[in-house]
Amino acid sequence: MADPQQRATTPEDDPPRISTGSAGLDDILGGGVDADRLYLVEGRPGAGKTTLALQFLFAGLARHETVLYISLSETERELRLVAKRHGWSLDGIAVFELVPPEASLDPNRELTVFHPAEMELSETTQMVFDRVAALNPSRIVFDSLSELRLLAQNSLRYRRQILALKHFFTGRCCTVLMLDDMSSKADDLQLHSIAHGVVLLEQVALDYGGERRRLRVVKMRGMPFRGGFHDFTIRRGGLEIYPRLVAAEHRQEVATAKVSSGRAELDAMVGGGLERGSSALLLGAAGVGKSSVALTYAIAAAERGEKTVFYAFDEGRATILSRCAALGLPLQDALDAGLIHIQQIDPAELSPGEFVHLVRQAVTRDGARIVIIDSLNGYLSAMPDERFLILQMHELLSYLNQLGVLTILVLAQHGLVGPMQTPIDISYLSDAVLMLRYFEFEGSVRRALSVVKKRSGAHERWIREFRLSGRGLAIGPPLQQFSGIFTGTPVYTGTRTPLLADDDSADG
């Protein structure tokens, strides 16, 4: 390994960034962290600090750097087990157990983390200095500060030792991650002032479903970063971090064009078709046909050779396939051709950040041109608060609009006929709103469709009956001689029957 002074060849005004070992965290930080600095990673036990630290060291190994893991809390055997379960090997990583098990049980040894004293703190620090000087590593993980805090006994001595470690490490051109399990009674802001950057990992237990993990960059001196909380998961292979979506970072010009549903009558109702780079909300009671209308757009896109991704929060894949078969929609053919992808979502297990990550991958990596979310009622269950759904949907829709993607949102209202209630008002975020309603006529349950909003142009203002049958979606003439359709019990004032004939085909 070259002399540490020879590694610092980059001008101080433009230091190079180095990877943290996590693509998501690098993205949040704008490319990585500054080299030869000390960073603090804090979080309660089980938050993922050790896993992130190992990823940081593996990123150094990939660059043929010497790396060191200094452990005051875990044995090398425990670390190797953690690495094995992630599919990693610690070969190439120097592990320094500051107090091996046999030393802590030997009454003849003075050095032990279980009996803190000023002399032991000095000896512990000196052992760290000696090992670093011997190995000359480029990256170091110090795990954990809680043991050093116990040895220090008071905050003044503790701060002095941290400063001593910081000056020693930076003088040897080391990039250091210090892990802290936040075992002190209050947040230790002394560490925040000393460290060049601070990353907080949190694990939140919900009332139902899997726990949620999130990350926040508290501080990064002299570096811009994406603030706020970012969801992440711990999986085999390490932390998978999902940077919070900021639509303004992805602005680009896209050509506008109409998207056909494959049904001339429906296209006419929405002014010739829905626009690319827009969002449409299908609003109505449960079972009225919202999902079927959305799938009509997906099938038409597949016939044009375009890809659609369908996120099913409420229904299983088998249910969707059987319904499409009953409607005569060739969904299976489109699935086999890879033009439609159905992804079933369990809102109890999926964080909002991970869902946005899935959507972004479907669009940027797989080339999806239509995104269908069915339904927002299920998606709302994945959110900790209704306010966050509005904010996140605003960013997601803005992002997809900027990429020229048509987004179709399905939202079920409470009730079947009469006054309807919407669990969340997201209509103002949508560029077009299609309302589907049940109504009764002469003892028969009918369905009505209307376009109540379209930002990008003119649309038909008539309310029309529609039917789902073995031949797909059929739309009837305007219900001009009815009033009160949206009440569920309209009044008919005409002299002829303007509805679809019953022998047209049976409902699907």
Foldseek 3Di string as FASTA:
>chain_A
DDQLVVVPPDDPVDADAAALLAPQVCVQQVHHAGFLFEEEEEAAPPLAPLLSNVSNVVSCVVVVFQEEEEAADDDPVVSQVVQVQLVHGCVRYHYHHLQDPVLQPDPVHPADLVDADPVNLVVSLVVVLVVCVVRLTQEYEYPALVSSCSNQVDDVSSLVSVLVVRVSSSVSRHYYYYYYNPPDPDDDCSVVVRGQWYKYKYWADDPFFDIWIWIATPHHHPTDGNGDIWTWDQDNNGIHTQDQFALVVQFDDDDKDFQDLPDPVVCQQQPNHDIFLFEEEEEEAPPLQQVLSVVSSLLSCVVVVAAEEEEALDDDPVVVVVLCQQLQRPPVVSVVVRRYHYDYDDLSHDAPSVVLVVVVCCCPPVPHQEYEYHAVVSVVSNDPDLVVVLVSVLSSSSNSSSVRHYYYYYFHWPDAAADTHGPDDNPVSGQWYKYKHWADDPRDIWIKIHTPHHNPDDGDGFIWTWARGNNGIDTFDGLPQWPDVRRRYIDGDDDDDRHDDCVVHHGD
